[in-house]
Amino acid sequence: MEVNKNAAKESPEHLDSPALDLKKITLAYSRFVPAQLVEILEKQSILDLEPGTQVEREITILFSDVRGFTTISEELTPQRTFELINAYFRRMEPIIFRNNGFIDKYIGDAIMAIFPGSASDALHASIDMLIELRGFNKDIEKRGFKPLQIGIGLNTGISMIGTVGGRQKMEGTVISDAVNLASRLESLTKAYGVPLLISEHTLYSLDDAPDHCIRFIDRVRVKGKSRPQCIFEIYDGDLKKVRNGKTETLKVFEEAVAYYHYRDIDRAEALFQSCLHLNPNDFAARLYLSRCDNYRNTGVHESTGELDKVTFWKDEYNIGIPHIDAQHMELLEQINRLSETIGGGAGGEEITNALNFVDKYVNGHFKTEEQLMEKKSYPFIREHQNQHRIFYQCFLNLKSEMDDSSLDKVFLLFRTQIFLVDWLINHTTKTDKHLGKFLREQEASA
């Protein structure tokens, strides 16, 4: 029988081998540069990436860290340390990808992940990670390891995503102060004894906030930020008993935090004690109780987010679009008048009238901004509109609280501060600043 010397070359297996090799190479590279990053950068292949390739997107950044891992690793051999941390990463990684995120980098025992779609994706991944951790701990205890605890911080913002490096090495990265705040929030989870904290920027970017267990934790000055930041705990992933206890004491806890910030220590202390009576495992309530005790003994008020009696407009809040800046100034003035009405002991009708005026002005302002964004084809109009929508829902909740005669004016003043004043200033100096820059650049290029 005559043998065709070219048969091997013509066989389907041989013809496919270059494609198979390329696929293997691409898969191998994707372990270092995620395929999602290539897609976000609008490239066909990882081979098309060069240092400096970048896009601007609104993303949610997830930082997670294993608490006390240095101490844990000191008790293990290097081999056992790597066995433990890699087993942990293998359990967490699929959860992030399943929720439309990707891992930007591993930093020791920490994970930095990016969610370019919805902030809700990042939140769902975080909750799933905390639930998965319980099963993981049961598994590793059988192998002689101690159970792990993790903290997770989430923050949302417009960021630059791209590639950096030189001729010999290149990697994907995110450049934004949103990254720094996510990292700071993760570190604060240990201080407050909670596994998951989110920023107000993430709260106002969620598609499904009413579906989650959320409570206000504190108003803090985070290193690197000039304005106080409101931080919130998401406790969906807590054990059922703890979760139910936090839900049952939600109003009491948030009232107690308000009294603490306004230095009404007697009332704050009584309410935190009430929380702990119903839910002894509430570490955050116990932390605040110790702060109350410390204030009595030393006069030191452990709060880095002191409240201003009146928040005055500053030039740094301007976005450079005169009629929008004028509306922001007027809106802040109306909110200040609302606070004065509440603080002055006005009756329900006066408060309702002040609220209705703010309501009307907010709707008019949002309409003006959104029409301008649509007219100028602002690329982040959907994200901006979503923040407006969620803020307005929070505002309606605040109006409902104002109708509750059982709530003290101190609590209502505090809610006005965090849900109206803080939101306006932080939204203006972040989201609206970006809009202003876009509009000015368009005008300059016209």
Protein backbone atom coordinates (compact mmCIF):
# COMPACT_ATOMS: atom_id res chain seq x y z
CA MET A 1 0.00 0.00 0.00
CA GLU A 2 1.32 3.38 -0.96
CA VAL A 3 1.69 5.79 1.96
CA ASN A 4 0.77 9.38 1.35
CA LYS A 5 3.61 11.36 2.91
CA ASN A 6 1.39 14.44 3.12
CA ALA A 7 -1.43 12.62 4.91
CA ALA A 8 -0.32 13.79 8.34
CA LYS A 9 -0.20 17.38 7.17
CA GLU A 10 -3.68 17.12 5.70
CA SER A 11 -5.29 15.40 8.68
CA PRO A 12 -7.90 17.47 10.56
CA GLU A 13 -5.99 16.95 13.79
CA HIS A 14 -2.85 18.48 12.35
CA LEU A 15 -4.70 21.30 10.64
CA ASP A 16 -6.37 22.18 13.94
CA SER A 17 -3.24 22.08 16.04
CA PRO A 18 -2.14 25.72 15.44
CA ALA A 19 -5.62 26.88 16.43
CA LEU A 20 -5.54 24.63 19.47
CA ASP A 21 -2.11 25.95 20.43
CA LEU A 22 -3.34 29.53 20.07
CA LYS A 23 -6.35 28.72 22.24
CA LYS A 24 -4.11 27.23 24.91
CA ILE A 25 -1.83 30.26 24.79
CA THR A 26 -4.80 32.62 25.07
CA LEU A 27 -6.18 30.67 28.03
CA ALA A 28 -2.78 30.75 29.70
CA TYR A 29 -2.44 34.50 29.17
CA SER A 30 -5.97 35.08 30.49
CA ARG A 31 -4.81 33.83 33.88
CA PHE A 32 -2.57 36.89 34.04
CA VAL A 33 -4.60 39.42 32.00
CA PRO A 34 -8.34 38.65 32.34
CA ALA A 35 -10.32 38.17 29.14
CA GLN A 36 -12.90 40.61 30.56
CA LEU A 37 -10.24 43.32 30.63
CA VAL A 38 -9.45 42.71 26.96
CA GLU A 39 -13.16 43.00 26.20
CA ILE A 40 -13.56 46.22 28.23
CA LEU A 41 -10.61 47.73 26.36
CA GLU A 42 -12.40 46.80 23.11
CA LYS A 43 -9.59 44.64 21.77
CA GLN A 44 -9.90 41.40 19.83
CA SER A 45 -7.02 39.65 21.54
CA ILE A 46 -4.58 40.02 24.38
CA LEU A 47 -1.93 40.41 21.66
CA ASP A 48 -3.52 43.75 20.72
CA LEU A 49 -2.87 45.26 24.14
CA GLU A 50 -0.12 47.81 24.59
CA PRO A 51 0.90 49.90 27.60
CA GLY A 52 -1.38 52.92 27.78
CA THR A 53 -4.49 51.27 26.34
CA GLN A 54 -7.32 52.64 28.51
CA VAL A 55 -11.03 53.39 28.79
CA GLU A 56 -13.16 55.23 31.33
CA ARG A 57 -15.96 53.25 32.98
CA GLU A 58 -18.09 53.30 36.08
CA ILE A 59 -17.05 50.25 38.06
CA THR A 60 -17.45 48.80 41.52
CA ILE A 61 -14.25 47.74 43.25
CA LEU A 62 -14.22 44.87 45.73
CA PHE A 63 -11.44 44.50 48.28
CA SER A 64 -11.40 41.45 50.53
CA ASP A 65 -8.80 40.43 53.06
CA VAL A 66 -8.31 37.47 55.39
CA ARG A 67 -8.17 38.76 58.95
CA GLY A 68 -5.06 37.86 60.89
CA PHE A 69 -3.58 35.79 58.09
CA THR A 70 -0.01 36.75 59.02
CA THR A 71 -0.53 35.25 62.47
CA ILE A 72 -2.18 32.17 60.96
CA SER A 73 0.67 31.63 58.50
CA GLU A 74 3.31 31.90 61.24
CA GLU A 75 1.90 28.71 62.73
CA LEU A 76 2.09 26.85 59.40
CA THR A 77 4.86 25.56 57.18
CA PRO A 78 5.30 27.43 53.86
CA GLN A 79 3.76 24.48 52.05
CA ARG A 80 0.68 24.46 54.31
CA THR A 81 0.36 28.24 54.02
CA PHE A 82 0.22 28.07 50.22
CA GLU A 83 -2.11 25.09 50.41
CA LEU A 84 -4.53 27.07 52.58
CA ILE A 85 -4.51 30.36 50.68
CA ASN A 86 -4.80 28.72 47.26
CA ALA A 87 -7.69 26.56 48.48
CA TYR A 88 -9.39 29.76 49.67
CA PHE A 89 -8.79 31.55 46.35
CA ARG A 90 -10.14 28.55 44.41
CA ARG A 91 -13.42 28.79 46.33
CA MET A 92 -13.80 32.57 45.98
CA GLU A 93 -12.70 33.06 42.37
CA PRO A 94 -15.69 31.32 40.70
CA ILE A 95 -18.11 33.42 42.76
CA ILE A 96 -16.59 36.64 41.43
CA PHE A 97 -16.72 35.44 37.82
CA ARG A 98 -20.24 34.07 38.24
CA ASN A 99 -21.39 37.54 39.27
CA ASN A 100 -19.88 39.24 36.19
CA GLY A 101 -16.69 40.40 37.85
CA PHE A 102 -13.04 39.57 37.36
CA ILE A 103 -10.00 39.50 39.61
CA ASP A 104 -7.66 42.41 39.05
CA LYS A 105 -4.97 41.07 41.36
CA TYR A 106 -4.15 38.99 44.39
CA ILE A 107 -2.23 40.95 47.03
CA GLY A 108 -0.92 38.39 49.49
CA ASP A 109 -4.12 37.02 51.03
CA ALA A 110 -6.22 39.91 49.67
CA ILE A 111 -8.38 39.98 46.54
CA MET A 112 -9.04 43.05 44.43
CA ALA A 113 -11.88 42.44 41.99
CA ILE A 114 -13.58 44.66 39.41
CA PHE A 115 -17.27 44.68 38.49
CA PRO A 116 -17.77 46.73 35.31
CA GLY A 117 -21.53 46.16 35.09
CA SER A 118 -23.84 46.76 38.02
CA ALA A 119 -22.87 47.57 41.60
CA SER A 120 -25.43 44.92 42.52
CA ASP A 121 -23.18 42.30 40.89
CA ALA A 122 -20.41 43.21 43.32
CA LEU A 123 -22.78 43.11 46.28
CA HIS A 124 -24.19 39.71 45.30
CA ALA A 125 -20.65 38.35 44.91
CA SER A 126 -19.69 39.68 48.35
CA ILE A 127 -22.68 38.07 50.04
CA ASP A 128 -22.04 34.78 48.23
CA MET A 129 -18.38 34.87 49.32
CA LEU A 130 -19.36 35.24 52.97
CA ILE A 131 -21.84 32.37 52.73
CA GLU A 132 -19.33 30.19 50.87
CA LEU A 133 -16.73 30.92 53.56
CA ARG A 134 -18.80 29.05 56.14
CA GLY A 135 -18.71 25.87 54.06
CA PHE A 136 -15.03 26.38 53.28
CA ASN A 137 -14.20 26.68 56.99
CA LYS A 138 -15.93 23.38 57.74
CA ASP A 139 -13.85 21.72 55.04
CA ILE A 140 -10.48 23.10 56.14
CA GLU A 141 -11.10 22.34 59.82
CA LYS A 142 -11.24 18.67 58.82
CA ARG A 143 -7.75 19.11 57.37
CA GLY A 144 -6.37 20.66 60.55
CA PHE A 145 -6.61 24.36 59.60
CA LYS A 146 -8.18 27.07 61.73
CA PRO A 147 -11.30 28.76 60.29
CA LEU A 148 -10.80 32.02 58.40
CA GLN A 149 -12.59 35.34 58.75
CA ILE A 150 -12.68 37.92 55.97
CA GLY A 151 -13.64 41.55 55.56
CA ILE A 152 -14.99 43.03 52.32
CA GLY A 153 -15.22 46.67 51.23
CA LEU A 154 -17.09 47.95 48.15
CA ASN A 155 -16.93 51.33 46.46
CA THR A 156 -18.29 52.57 43.13
CA GLY A 157 -17.02 55.33 40.88
CA ILE A 158 -15.93 56.39 37.42
CA SER A 159 -12.42 55.04 36.91
CA MET A 160 -9.70 54.64 34.31
CA ILE A 161 -9.15 50.99 33.38
CA GLY A 162 -6.13 50.19 31.27
CA THR A 163 -2.67 48.75 30.92
CA VAL A 164 0.58 50.01 32.37
CA GLY A 165 4.15 48.83 32.05
CA GLY A 166 7.17 48.81 29.80
CA ARG A 167 8.67 46.58 27.14
CA GLN A 168 9.39 43.67 29.45
CA LYS A 169 6.30 43.66 31.66
CA MET A 170 2.74 44.92 31.32
CA GLU A 171 -0.34 44.52 33.48
CA GLY A 172 -3.91 45.71 33.73
CA THR A 173 -4.79 48.21 36.41
CA VAL A 174 -7.40 50.66 37.66
CA ILE A 175 -6.50 54.29 38.34
CA SER A 176 -9.02 56.05 40.56
CA ASP A 177 -9.44 57.24 44.12
CA ALA A 178 -12.46 54.91 44.16
CA VAL A 179 -9.94 52.09 44.63
CA ASN A 180 -8.45 53.71 47.73
CA LEU A 181 -11.85 54.11 49.40
CA ALA A 182 -12.77 50.46 48.73
CA SER A 183 -9.52 49.42 50.41
CA ARG A 184 -10.17 51.75 53.36
CA LEU A 185 -13.66 50.30 53.82
CA GLU A 186 -12.27 46.78 53.90
CA SER A 187 -9.87 47.80 56.68
CA LEU A 188 -12.75 49.38 58.63
CA THR A 189 -14.69 46.09 58.71
CA LYS A 190 -12.33 44.88 61.41
CA ALA A 191 -12.83 48.00 63.55
CA TYR A 192 -16.63 47.70 63.44
CA GLY A 193 -16.67 43.92 63.68
CA VAL A 194 -18.72 43.47 60.51
CA PRO A 195 -17.80 41.43 57.43
CA LEU A 196 -19.10 43.76 54.69
CA LEU A 197 -19.12 47.56 54.34
CA ILE A 198 -20.14 49.65 51.34
CA SER A 199 -19.80 53.34 50.57
CA GLU A 200 -22.71 55.67 49.93
CA HIS A 201 -21.54 55.78 46.29
CA THR A 202 -22.22 52.05 46.02
CA LEU A 203 -25.51 52.33 47.92
CA TYR A 204 -26.79 54.90 45.42
CA SER A 205 -25.66 52.73 42.50
CA LEU A 206 -27.49 49.53 43.51
CA ASP A 207 -30.31 48.26 41.32
CA ASP A 208 -31.93 46.34 44.16
CA ALA A 209 -31.16 48.17 47.43
CA PRO A 210 -34.62 47.46 48.98
CA ASP A 211 -33.98 43.72 48.62
CA HIS A 212 -30.99 43.78 50.98
CA CYS A 213 -30.38 44.05 54.71
CA ILE A 214 -28.71 47.45 55.07
CA ARG A 215 -27.97 49.58 58.10
CA PHE A 216 -26.10 52.83 58.52
CA ILE A 217 -22.90 52.24 60.50
CA ASP A 218 -21.07 55.55 60.74
CA ARG A 219 -20.10 58.84 59.18
CA VAL A 220 -16.33 58.94 59.06
CA ARG A 221 -13.43 60.92 57.70
CA VAL A 222 -11.42 58.41 55.72
CA LYS A 223 -7.74 59.10 55.13
CA GLY A 224 -7.32 60.82 51.78
CA LYS A 225 -10.88 62.23 51.75
CA SER A 226 -11.72 65.82 52.69
CA ARG A 227 -15.45 65.18 53.14
CA PRO A 228 -16.95 62.73 55.65
CA GLN A 229 -18.11 59.48 54.09
CA CYS A 230 -21.25 57.61 55.12
CA ILE A 231 -20.64 53.89 55.39
CA PHE A 232 -23.23 51.13 55.46
CA GLU A 233 -23.22 47.52 56.58
CA ILE A 234 -24.80 44.84 54.41
CA TYR A 235 -25.69 41.93 56.66
CA ASP A 236 -27.45 39.52 54.29
CA GLY A 237 -24.56 37.09 54.74
CA ASP A 238 -24.75 36.95 58.56
CA LEU A 239 -26.00 33.87 60.36
CA LYS A 240 -29.80 33.86 60.57
CA LYS A 241 -29.92 34.57 64.31
CA VAL A 242 -27.56 37.56 64.03
CA ARG A 243 -29.29 38.82 60.88
CA ASN A 244 -32.71 38.71 62.52
CA GLY A 245 -31.34 40.48 65.59
CA LYS A 246 -29.91 43.33 63.51
CA THR A 247 -33.17 43.71 61.61
CA GLU A 248 -35.18 43.76 64.84
CA THR A 249 -32.95 46.47 66.33
CA LEU A 250 -32.33 48.42 63.10
CA LYS A 251 -34.23 51.59 64.02
CA VAL A 252 -32.95 51.58 67.60
CA PHE A 253 -29.34 51.15 66.44
CA GLU A 254 -29.54 53.97 63.88
CA GLU A 255 -31.19 56.30 66.40
CA ALA A 256 -28.43 55.48 68.89
CA VAL A 257 -25.75 56.33 66.31
CA ALA A 258 -27.45 59.69 65.69
CA TYR A 259 -27.51 60.52 69.42
CA TYR A 260 -23.86 59.51 69.73
CA HIS A 261 -22.84 61.84 66.90
CA TYR A 262 -24.76 64.70 68.52
CA ARG A 263 -23.08 63.84 71.86
CA ASP A 264 -26.31 62.92 73.63
CA ILE A 265 -24.42 60.11 75.34
CA ASP A 266 -27.08 59.14 77.89
CA ARG A 267 -29.68 58.39 75.24
CA ALA A 268 -27.16 56.76 72.91
CA GLU A 269 -25.89 54.48 75.67
CA ALA A 270 -29.40 53.40 76.67
CA LEU A 271 -30.31 52.52 73.09
CA PHE A 272 -27.08 50.60 72.41
CA GLN A 273 -27.68 48.61 75.60
CA SER A 274 -31.17 47.84 74.31
CA CYS A 275 -29.65 46.59 71.03
CA LEU A 276 -27.25 44.30 72.87
CA HIS A 277 -30.00 42.97 75.12
CA LEU A 278 -31.89 41.80 72.03
CA ASN A 279 -28.81 40.92 69.97
CA PRO A 280 -25.74 40.17 72.15
CA ASN A 281 -23.62 39.35 69.08
CA ASP A 282 -23.86 42.87 67.62
CA PHE A 283 -20.18 43.88 67.73
CA ALA A 284 -20.84 47.35 66.25
CA ALA A 285 -23.31 48.18 69.04
CA ARG A 286 -20.75 46.98 71.59
CA LEU A 287 -18.09 49.19 69.96
CA TYR A 288 -20.33 52.25 70.23
CA LEU A 289 -21.12 51.41 73.85
CA SER A 290 -17.39 51.41 74.62
CA ARG A 291 -17.11 54.77 72.85
CA CYS A 292 -19.86 56.15 75.08
CA ASP A 293 -18.00 54.89 78.14
CA ASN A 294 -14.75 56.40 76.89
CA TYR A 295 -16.45 59.76 76.33
CA ARG A 296 -17.71 59.77 79.92
CA ASN A 297 -14.25 58.99 81.27
CA THR A 298 -12.06 61.14 79.03
CA GLY A 299 -14.29 63.64 77.24
CA VAL A 300 -12.89 62.35 73.93
CA HIS A 301 -15.56 61.87 71.28
CA GLU A 302 -14.34 59.11 68.95
CA SER A 303 -15.87 60.37 65.76
CA THR A 304 -13.99 61.46 62.67
CA GLY A 305 -17.09 62.73 60.87
CA GLU A 306 -18.24 65.61 63.03
CA LEU A 307 -21.50 67.24 62.01
CA ASP A 308 -21.68 70.81 60.80
CA LYS A 309 -24.57 72.88 62.09
CA VAL A 310 -24.85 74.54 58.69
CA THR A 311 -23.06 73.37 55.55
CA PHE A 312 -21.99 76.39 53.53
CA TRP A 313 -21.36 76.29 49.80
CA LYS A 314 -17.69 76.35 48.81
CA ASP A 315 -16.09 77.20 45.48
CA GLU A 316 -14.60 73.70 45.35
CA TYR A 317 -18.14 72.32 44.93
CA ASN A 318 -18.64 74.17 41.62
CA ILE A 319 -18.62 72.00 38.49
CA GLY A 320 -18.03 74.91 36.10
CA ILE A 321 -21.51 74.99 34.54
CA PRO A 322 -23.05 78.22 35.93
CA HIS A 323 -26.76 77.37 35.85
CA ILE A 324 -26.14 73.89 37.35
CA ASP A 325 -23.92 75.39 40.06
CA ALA A 326 -26.64 77.93 40.85
CA GLN A 327 -29.20 75.13 41.25
CA HIS A 328 -26.85 73.17 43.52
CA MET A 329 -26.34 76.24 45.71
CA GLU A 330 -30.08 76.84 45.94
CA LEU A 331 -30.76 73.18 46.73
CA LEU A 332 -28.22 73.25 49.58
CA GLU A 333 -29.86 76.43 50.89
CA GLN A 334 -33.28 74.76 50.86
CA ILE A 335 -31.92 71.70 52.68
CA ASN A 336 -30.33 73.97 55.30
CA ARG A 337 -33.71 75.66 55.79
CA LEU A 338 -35.30 72.24 56.24
CA SER A 339 -32.72 71.43 58.93
CA GLU A 340 -33.39 74.74 60.67
CA THR A 341 -37.12 74.03 60.57
CA ILE A 342 -36.62 70.61 62.19
CA GLY A 343 -34.05 71.83 64.71
CA GLY A 344 -36.16 74.83 65.68
CA GLY A 345 -38.95 72.61 66.94
CA ALA A 346 -41.40 73.50 64.18
CA GLY A 347 -44.68 71.64 63.87
CA GLY A 348 -45.45 68.87 61.44
CA GLU A 349 -47.11 71.15 58.90
CA GLU A 350 -44.06 73.44 58.65
CA ILE A 351 -41.73 70.46 58.21
CA THR A 352 -44.03 69.00 55.56
CA ASN A 353 -44.09 72.29 53.66
CA ALA A 354 -40.28 72.52 53.78
CA LEU A 355 -39.96 68.91 52.60
CA ASN A 356 -42.40 69.45 49.75
CA PHE A 357 -40.41 72.46 48.58
CA VAL A 358 -37.18 70.43 48.57
CA ASP A 359 -39.02 67.61 46.78
CA LYS A 360 -40.19 69.94 44.02
CA TYR A 361 -36.77 71.53 43.64
CA VAL A 362 -34.97 68.17 43.52
CA ASN A 363 -37.24 66.92 40.73
CA GLY A 364 -36.78 70.11 38.73
CA HIS A 365 -33.01 70.02 39.13
CA PHE A 366 -32.74 66.35 38.16
CA LYS A 367 -34.86 67.00 35.07
CA THR A 368 -32.60 69.88 34.02
CA GLU A 369 -29.43 67.80 34.46
CA GLU A 370 -30.79 64.75 32.67
CA GLN A 371 -32.08 66.76 29.70
CA LEU A 372 -28.64 68.36 29.39
CA MET A 373 -26.91 64.96 29.55
CA GLU A 374 -29.19 63.58 26.86
CA LYS A 375 -28.73 66.62 24.63
CA LYS A 376 -24.94 66.40 24.89
CA SER A 377 -24.81 62.56 24.63
CA TYR A 378 -23.08 62.17 27.98
CA PRO A 379 -21.70 58.59 28.02
CA PHE A 380 -22.55 58.00 31.70
CA ILE A 381 -26.16 59.19 31.56
CA ARG A 382 -27.59 55.81 32.61
CA GLU A 383 -25.38 55.61 35.70
CA HIS A 384 -26.15 59.23 36.59
CA GLN A 385 -29.89 58.72 36.20
CA ASN A 386 -29.69 55.61 38.38
CA GLN A 387 -28.06 57.60 41.18
CA HIS A 388 -30.81 60.21 40.91
CA ARG A 389 -33.47 57.49 41.05
CA ILE A 390 -32.05 55.76 44.12
CA PHE A 391 -31.44 59.05 45.91
CA TYR A 392 -35.06 60.05 45.32
CA GLN A 393 -36.26 56.75 46.80
CA CYS A 394 -34.14 57.45 49.90
CA PHE A 395 -35.62 60.95 50.01
CA LEU A 396 -39.15 59.51 49.96
CA ASN A 397 -38.17 57.18 52.82
CA LEU A 398 -36.92 60.23 54.73
CA LYS A 399 -40.24 62.00 54.12
CA SER A 400 -42.01 58.97 55.54
CA GLU A 401 -39.79 59.09 58.63
CA MET A 402 -40.63 62.78 59.07
CA ASP A 403 -44.29 61.76 59.38
CA ASP A 404 -43.46 59.42 62.26
CA SER A 405 -44.23 61.45 65.39
CA SER A 406 -42.35 58.94 67.57
CA LEU A 407 -38.97 59.90 66.08
CA ASP A 408 -36.91 62.54 67.85
CA LYS A 409 -35.75 65.69 66.04
CA VAL A 410 -32.09 64.78 66.68
CA PHE A 411 -32.56 61.57 64.70
CA LEU A 412 -34.38 63.43 61.92
CA LEU A 413 -31.64 66.07 61.76
CA PHE A 414 -29.04 63.34 61.46
CA ARG A 415 -30.96 61.62 58.67
CA THR A 416 -31.28 64.95 56.86
CA GLN A 417 -27.52 65.39 57.13
CA ILE A 418 -26.54 61.97 55.80
CA PHE A 419 -29.25 61.48 53.16
CA LEU A 420 -29.55 65.05 51.87
CA VAL A 421 -26.55 67.24 52.73
CA ASP A 422 -23.85 64.56 52.48
CA TRP A 423 -25.37 63.09 49.34
CA LEU A 424 -25.59 66.47 47.61
CA ILE A 425 -21.99 67.45 48.40
CA ASN A 426 -20.46 64.05 47.61
CA HIS A 427 -22.56 63.62 44.46
CA THR A 428 -21.67 67.13 43.29
CA THR A 429 -17.94 66.78 43.95
CA LYS A 430 -17.69 63.35 42.27
CA THR A 431 -20.39 62.47 39.75
CA ASP A 432 -21.38 66.01 38.78
CA LYS A 433 -17.74 67.13 38.58
CA HIS A 434 -17.21 64.49 35.92
CA LEU A 435 -20.27 65.71 34.03
CA GLY A 436 -19.03 69.31 34.26
CA LYS A 437 -15.62 68.34 32.86
CA PHE A 438 -17.28 66.52 29.97
CA LEU A 439 -19.54 69.49 29.13
CA ARG A 440 -16.68 72.00 29.30
CA GLU A 441 -14.51 69.86 27.01
CA GLN A 442 -17.38 69.58 24.53
CA GLU A 443 -17.86 73.33 24.57
CA ALA A 444 -14.13 73.94 24.08
CA SER A 445 -13.97 71.59 21.08
CA ALA A 446 -17.09 73.02 19.40
